[in-house]
PDB file of N, CA and C in Angstrom:
ATOM      1  N   UNK A   1      87.871 143.359 126.527  1.00  0.00           N
ATOM      2  CA  UNK A   1      87.585 143.317 125.112  1.00  0.00           C
ATOM      3  C   UNK A   1      88.411 142.249 124.420  1.00  0.00           C
ATOM      4  N   UNK A   2      89.692 142.163 124.786  1.00  0.00           N
ATOM      5  CA  UNK A   2      90.554 141.155 124.176  1.00  0.00           C
ATOM      6  C   UNK A   2      90.097 139.748 124.545  1.00  0.00           C
ATOM      7  N   UNK A   3      89.681 139.590 125.787  1.00  0.00           N
ATOM      8  CA  UNK A   3      89.227 138.285 126.244  1.00  0.00           C
ATOM      9  C   UNK A   3      87.986 137.857 125.477  1.00  0.00           C
ATOM     10  N   UNK A   4      87.075 138.783 125.255  1.00  0.00           N
ATOM     11  CA  UNK A   4      85.859 138.477 124.505  1.00  0.00           C
ATOM     12  C   UNK A   4      86.197 138.087 123.070  1.00  0.00           C
ATOM     13  N   UNK A   5      87.102 138.812 122.452  1.00  0.00           N
ATOM     14  CA  UNK A   5      87.491 138.508 121.082  1.00  0.00           C
ATOM     15  C   UNK A   5      88.195 137.142 121.012  1.00  0.00           C
ATOM     16  N   UNK A   6      89.026 136.847 121.986  1.00  0.00           N
ATOM     17  CA  UNK A   6      89.730 135.562 122.007  1.00  0.00           C
ATOM     18  C   UNK A   6      88.748 134.416 122.193  1.00  0.00           C
ATOM     19  N   UNK A   7      87.782 134.588 123.104  1.00  0.00           N
ATOM     20  CA  UNK A   7      86.778 133.547 123.324  1.00  0.00           C
ATOM     21  C   UNK A   7      85.904 133.353 122.087  1.00  0.00           C
ATOM     22  N   UNK A   8      85.591 134.444 121.399  1.00  0.00           N
ATOM     23  CA  UNK A   8      84.801 134.350 120.181  1.00  0.00           C
ATOM     24  C   UNK A   8      85.568 133.577 119.100  1.00  0.00           C
ATOM     25  N   UNK A   9      86.858 133.831 118.974  1.00  0.00           N
ATOM     26  CA  UNK A   9      87.676 133.110 117.991  1.00  0.00           C
ATOM     27  C   UNK A   9      87.755 131.623 118.327  1.00  0.00           C
ATOM     28  N   UNK A  10      87.924 131.301 119.599  1.00  0.00           N
ATOM     29  CA  UNK A  10      87.989 129.903 120.022  1.00  0.00           C
ATOM     30  C   UNK A  10      86.656 129.215 119.763  1.00  0.00           C
ATOM     31  N   UNK A  11      85.561 129.891 120.061  1.00  0.00           N
ATOM     32  CA  UNK A  11      84.243 129.300 119.848  1.00  0.00           C
ATOM     33  C   UNK A  11      83.978 129.063 118.362  1.00  0.00           C
ATOM     34  N   UNK A  12      84.365 130.008 117.522  1.00  0.00           N
ATOM     35  CA  UNK A  12      84.168 129.840 116.082  1.00  0.00           C
ATOM     36  C   UNK A  12      85.037 128.710 115.531  1.00  0.00           C
ATOM     37  N   UNK A  13      86.251 128.609 116.042  1.00  0.00           N
ATOM     38  CA  UNK A  13      87.131 127.541 115.577  1.00  0.00           C
ATOM     39  C   UNK A  13      86.612 126.170 116.000  1.00  0.00           C
ATOM     40  N   UNK A  14      86.027 126.087 117.183  1.00  0.00           N
ATOM     41  CA  UNK A  14      85.496 124.814 117.668  1.00  0.00           C
ATOM     42  C   UNK A  14      84.260 124.381 116.892  1.00  0.00           C
ATOM     43  N   UNK A  15      83.512 125.327 116.373  1.00  0.00           N
ATOM     44  CA  UNK A  15      82.280 125.015 115.661  1.00  0.00           C
ATOM     45  C   UNK A  15      82.475 124.846 114.154  1.00  0.00           C
ATOM     46  N   UNK A  16      83.658 125.101 113.677  1.00  0.00           N
ATOM     47  CA  UNK A  16      83.907 125.008 112.243  1.00  0.00           C
ATOM     48  C   UNK A  16      83.859 123.554 111.794  1.00  0.00           C
ATOM     49  N   UNK A  17      83.331 123.328 110.602  1.00  0.00           N
ATOM     50  CA  UNK A  17      83.262 121.977 110.057  1.00  0.00           C
ATOM     51  C   UNK A  17      84.607 121.615 109.454  1.00  0.00           C
ATOM     52  N   UNK A  18      84.971 120.359 109.612  1.00  0.00           N
ATOM     53  CA  UNK A  18      86.197 119.864 109.000  1.00  0.00           C
ATOM     54  C   UNK A  18      85.939 119.605 107.523  1.00  0.00           C
ATOM     55  N   UNK A  19      86.958 119.770 106.729  1.00  0.00           N
ATOM     56  CA  UNK A  19      86.822 119.517 105.297  1.00  0.00           C
ATOM     57  C   UNK A  19      86.569 118.024 105.081  1.00  0.00           C
ATOM     58  N   UNK A  20      85.663 117.678 104.182  1.00  0.00           N
ATOM     59  CA  UNK A  20      85.401 116.258 103.952  1.00  0.00           C
ATOM     60  C   UNK A  20      86.635 115.568 103.394  1.00  0.00           C
ATOM     61  N   UNK A  21      86.870 114.354 103.882  1.00  0.00           N
ATOM     62  CA  UNK A  21      88.041 113.632 103.398  1.00  0.00           C
ATOM     63  C   UNK A  21      87.771 113.118 101.990  1.00  0.00           C
ATOM     64  N   UNK A  22      88.768 113.197 101.176  1.00  0.00           N
ATOM     65  CA  UNK A  22      88.629 112.772  99.793  1.00  0.00           C
ATOM     66  C   UNK A  22      89.434 111.507  99.587  1.00  0.00           C
ATOM     67  N   UNK A  23      88.892 110.603  98.807  1.00  0.00           N
ATOM     68  CA  UNK A  23      89.645 109.406  98.465  1.00  0.00           C
ATOM     69  C   UNK A  23      90.286 109.619  97.114  1.00  0.00           C
ATOM     70  N   UNK A  24      91.315 108.902  96.881  1.00  0.00           N
ATOM     71  CA  UNK A  24      91.990 109.009  95.599  1.00  0.00           C
ATOM     72  C   UNK A  24      91.055 108.543  94.492  1.00  0.00           C
ATOM     73  N   UNK A  25      91.209 109.107  93.328  1.00  0.00           N
ATOM     74  CA  UNK A  25      90.322 108.791  92.214  1.00  0.00           C
ATOM     75  C   UNK A  25      90.398 107.315  91.842  1.00  0.00           C
ATOM     76  N   UNK A  26      91.556 106.688  91.967  1.00  0.00           N
ATOM     77  CA  UNK A  26      91.718 105.293  91.595  1.00  0.00           C
ATOM     78  C   UNK A  26      91.408 104.324  92.721  1.00  0.00           C
ATOM     79  N   UNK A  27      90.996 104.820  93.875  1.00  0.00           N
ATOM     80  CA  UNK A  27      90.747 103.973  95.034  1.00  0.00           C
ATOM     81  C   UNK A  27      89.285 103.529  95.053  1.00  0.00           C
ATOM     82  N   UNK A  28      88.923 102.704  94.090  1.00  0.00           N
ATOM     83  CA  UNK A  28      87.533 102.255  94.012  1.00  0.00           C
ATOM     84  C   UNK A  28      87.406 100.764  94.284  1.00  0.00           C
ATOM     85  N   UNK A  29      88.490 100.090  94.618  1.00  0.00           N
ATOM     86  CA  UNK A  29      88.444  98.665  94.889  1.00  0.00           C
ATOM     87  C   UNK A  29      87.944  98.397  96.302  1.00  0.00           C
ATOM     88  N   UNK A  30      87.221  97.299  96.459  1.00  0.00           N
ATOM     89  CA  UNK A  30      86.788  96.898  97.785  1.00  0.00           C
ATOM     90  C   UNK A  30      87.961  96.247  98.510  1.00  0.00           C
ATOM     91  N   UNK A  31      87.803  96.027  99.790  1.00  0.00           N
ATOM     92  CA  UNK A  31      88.857  95.387 100.579  1.00  0.00           C
ATOM     93  C   UNK A  31      89.129  93.988 100.039  1.00  0.00           C
ATOM     94  N   UNK A  32      88.080  93.280  99.664  1.00  0.00           N
ATOM     95  CA  UNK A  32      88.219  91.926  99.125  1.00  0.00           C
ATOM     96  C   UNK A  32      89.026  91.942  97.824  1.00  0.00           C
ATOM     97  N   UNK A  33      88.744  92.908  96.957  1.00  0.00           N
ATOM     98  CA  UNK A  33      89.460  93.006  95.694  1.00  0.00           C
ATOM     99  C   UNK A  33      90.932  93.328  95.920  1.00  0.00           C
ATOM    100  N   UNK A  34      91.207  94.203  96.854  1.00  0.00           N
ATOM    101  CA  UNK A  34      92.600  94.533  97.164  1.00  0.00           C
ATOM    102  C   UNK A  34      93.335  93.311  97.696  1.00  0.00           C
ATOM    103  N   UNK A  35      92.661  92.547  98.574  1.00  0.00           N
ATOM    104  CA  UNK A  35      93.283  91.348  99.107  1.00  0.00           C
ATOM    105  C   UNK A  35      93.512  90.307  98.015  1.00  0.00           C
ATOM    106  N   UNK A  36      92.592  90.211  97.063  1.00  0.00           N
ATOM    107  CA  UNK A  36      92.766  89.266  95.959  1.00  0.00           C
ATOM    108  C   UNK A  36      93.968  89.638  95.106  1.00  0.00           C
ATOM    109  N   UNK A  37      94.143  90.916  94.865  1.00  0.00           N
ATOM    110  CA  UNK A  37      95.295  91.367  94.080  1.00  0.00           C
ATOM    111  C   UNK A  37      96.587  91.049  94.822  1.00  0.00           C
ATOM    112  N   UNK A  38      96.619  91.318  96.118  1.00  0.00           N
ATOM    113  CA  UNK A  38      97.822  91.019  96.907  1.00  0.00           C
ATOM    114  C   UNK A  38      98.067  89.515  96.972  1.00  0.00           C
ATOM    115  N   UNK A  39      96.994  88.728  97.109  1.00  0.00           N
ATOM    116  CA  UNK A  39      97.144  87.287  97.170  1.00  0.00           C
ATOM    117  C   UNK A  39      97.666  86.699  95.874  1.00  0.00           C
ATOM    118  N   UNK A  40      97.332  87.311  94.754  1.00  0.00           N
ATOM    119  CA  UNK A  40      97.785  86.825  93.459  1.00  0.00           C
ATOM    120  C   UNK A  40      99.233  87.227  93.168  1.00  0.00           C
ATOM    121  N   UNK A  41      99.768  88.141  93.932  1.00  0.00           N
ATOM    122  CA  UNK A  41     101.141  88.594  93.691  1.00  0.00           C
ATOM    123  C   UNK A  41     102.130  87.572  94.249  1.00  0.00           C
ATOM    124  N   UNK A  42     103.389  87.806  93.984  1.00  0.00           N
ATOM    125  CA  UNK A  42     104.430  86.921  94.494  1.00  0.00           C
ATOM    126  C   UNK A  42     105.152  87.546  95.689  1.00  0.00           C
ATOM    127  N   UNK A  43     104.494  88.476  96.358  1.00  0.00           N
ATOM    128  CA  UNK A  43     105.080  89.117  97.527  1.00  0.00           C
ATOM    129  C   UNK A  43     105.139  88.140  98.691  1.00  0.00           C
ATOM    130  N   UNK A  44     106.091  88.343  99.602  1.00  0.00           N
ATOM    131  CA  UNK A  44     106.122  87.494 100.794  1.00  0.00           C
ATOM    132  C   UNK A  44     104.828  87.668 101.596  1.00  0.00           C
ATOM    133  N   UNK A  45     104.243  86.572 102.003  1.00  0.00           N
ATOM    134  CA  UNK A  45     103.003  86.623 102.762  1.00  0.00           C
ATOM    135  C   UNK A  45     101.756  86.511 101.911  1.00  0.00           C
ATOM    136  N   UNK A  46     101.918  86.490 100.598  1.00  0.00           N
ATOM    137  CA  UNK A  46     100.738  86.421  99.741  1.00  0.00           C
ATOM    138  C   UNK A  46     100.041  85.071  99.857  1.00  0.00           C
ATOM    139  N   UNK A  47     100.783  84.035 100.187  1.00  0.00           N
ATOM    140  CA  UNK A  47     100.165  82.720 100.372  1.00  0.00           C
ATOM    141  C   UNK A  47      99.227  82.747 101.576  1.00  0.00           C
ATOM    142  N   UNK A  48      99.589  83.478 102.610  1.00  0.00           N
ATOM    143  CA  UNK A  48      98.717  83.615 103.775  1.00  0.00           C
ATOM    144  C   UNK A  48      97.438  84.354 103.444  1.00  0.00           C
ATOM    145  N   UNK A  49      97.542  85.345 102.584  1.00  0.00           N
ATOM    146  CA  UNK A  49      96.360  86.095 102.162  1.00  0.00           C
ATOM    147  C   UNK A  49      95.435  85.187 101.363  1.00  0.00           C
ATOM    148  N   UNK A  50      96.023  84.381 100.463  1.00  0.00           N
ATOM    149  CA  UNK A  50      95.209  83.435  99.693  1.00  0.00           C
ATOM    150  C   UNK A  50      94.513  82.447 100.617  1.00  0.00           C
ATOM    151  N   UNK A  51      95.220  81.974 101.629  1.00  0.00           N
ATOM    152  CA  UNK A  51      94.627  81.044 102.590  1.00  0.00           C
ATOM    153  C   UNK A  51      93.487  81.680 103.362  1.00  0.00           C
ATOM    154  N   UNK A  52      93.665  82.933 103.752  1.00  0.00           N
ATOM    155  CA  UNK A  52      92.606  83.626 104.486  1.00  0.00           C
ATOM    156  C   UNK A  52      91.385  83.850 103.604  1.00  0.00           C
ATOM    157  N   UNK A  53      91.611  84.185 102.347  1.00  0.00           N
ATOM    158  CA  UNK A  53      90.482  84.360 101.430  1.00  0.00           C
ATOM    159  C   UNK A  53      89.752  83.044 101.202  1.00  0.00           C
ATOM    160  N   UNK A  54      90.510  81.960 101.108  1.00  0.00           N
ATOM    161  CA  UNK A  54      89.906  80.641 100.935  1.00  0.00           C
ATOM    162  C   UNK A  54      89.074  80.265 102.160  1.00  0.00           C
ATOM    163  N   UNK A  55      89.601  80.523 103.347  1.00  0.00           N
ATOM    164  CA  UNK A  55      88.866  80.234 104.578  1.00  0.00           C
ATOM    165  C   UNK A  55      87.607  81.079 104.668  1.00  0.00           C
ATOM    166  N   UNK A  56      87.695  82.325 104.237  1.00  0.00           N
ATOM    167  CA  UNK A  56      86.524  83.200 104.252  1.00  0.00           C
ATOM    168  C   UNK A  56      85.457  82.683 103.286  1.00  0.00           C
ATOM    169  N   UNK A  57      85.881  82.234 102.110  1.00  0.00           N
ATOM    170  CA  UNK A  57      84.942  81.674 101.145  1.00  0.00           C
ATOM    171  C   UNK A  57      84.278  80.409 101.685  1.00  0.00           C
ATOM    172  N   UNK A  58      85.074  79.556 102.327  1.00  0.00           N
ATOM    173  CA  UNK A  58      84.537  78.316 102.889  1.00  0.00           C
ATOM    174  C   UNK A  58      83.514  78.615 103.985  1.00  0.00           C
ATOM    175  N   UNK A  59      83.823  79.576 104.842  1.00  0.00           N
ATOM    176  CA  UNK A  59      82.903  79.932 105.916  1.00  0.00           C
ATOM    177  C   UNK A  59      81.619  80.534 105.361  1.00  0.00           C
ATOM    178  N   UNK A  60      81.732  81.359 104.322  1.00  0.00           N
ATOM    179  CA  UNK A  60      80.536  81.947 103.717  1.00  0.00           C
ATOM    180  C   UNK A  60      79.669  80.880 103.064  1.00  0.00           C
ATOM    181  N   UNK A  61      80.305  79.907 102.402  1.00  0.00           N
ATOM    182  CA  UNK A  61      79.550  78.824 101.772  1.00  0.00           C
ATOM    183  C   UNK A  61      78.862  77.965 102.834  1.00  0.00           C
ATOM    184  N   UNK A  62      79.567  77.699 103.917  1.00  0.00           N
ATOM    185  CA  UNK A  62      78.974  76.898 104.999  1.00  0.00           C
ATOM    186  C   UNK A  62      77.790  77.634 105.619  1.00  0.00           C
ATOM    187  N   UNK A  63      77.944  78.922 105.850  1.00  0.00           N
ATOM    188  CA  UNK A  63      76.837  79.696 106.417  1.00  0.00           C
ATOM    189  C   UNK A  63      75.648  79.733 105.469  1.00  0.00           C
ATOM    190  N   UNK A  64      75.906  79.807 104.173  1.00  0.00           N
ATOM    191  CA  UNK A  64      74.809  79.802 103.208  1.00  0.00           C
ATOM    192  C   UNK A  64      74.073  78.463 103.235  1.00  0.00           C
ATOM    193  N   UNK A  65      74.828  77.358 103.361  1.00  0.00           N
ATOM    194  CA  UNK A  65      74.192  76.047 103.459  1.00  0.00           C
ATOM    195  C   UNK A  65      73.360  75.933 104.730  1.00  0.00           C
ATOM    196  N   UNK A  66      73.900  76.434 105.850  1.00  0.00           N
ATOM    197  CA  UNK A  66      73.155  76.375 107.107  1.00  0.00           C
ATOM    198  C   UNK A  66      71.903  77.248 107.061  1.00  0.00           C
ATOM    199  N   UNK A  67      71.988  78.384 106.407  1.00  0.00           N
ATOM    200  CA  UNK A  67      70.820  79.264 106.306  1.00  0.00           C
ATOM    201  C   UNK A  67      69.733  78.643 105.432  1.00  0.00           C
ATOM    202  N   UNK A  68      70.124  77.846 104.441  1.00  0.00           N
ATOM    203  CA  UNK A  68      69.123  77.251 103.569  1.00  0.00           C
ATOM    204  C   UNK A  68      68.383  76.102 104.231  1.00  0.00           C
ATOM    205  N   UNK A  69      68.955  75.524 105.294  1.00  0.00           N
ATOM    206  CA  UNK A  69      68.301  74.426 106.026  1.00  0.00           C
ATOM    207  C   UNK A  69      67.107  74.940 106.795  1.00  0.00           C
ATOM    208  N   UNK A  70      67.207  76.075 107.364  1.00  0.00           N
ATOM    209  CA  UNK A  70      66.139  76.589 108.232  1.00  0.00           C
ATOM    210  C   UNK A  70      64.978  77.026 107.471  1.00  0.00           C
TER     211      UNK A  70
END
């Protein structure tokens, strides 16, 4: 009887749904927006973030030009 009850508890626990994860109310910025804010700051490494954003913009513009050729 104890074994059956223990197995039933384990089975119910395994089938239980996890609570949905909640994001903070103020966490509505995209990754790009967060990177822009960090890049605009005077923190160490912010120049690298600005450079990466610039490279990403250049690559997106180049891809848009290449897509318009076809």
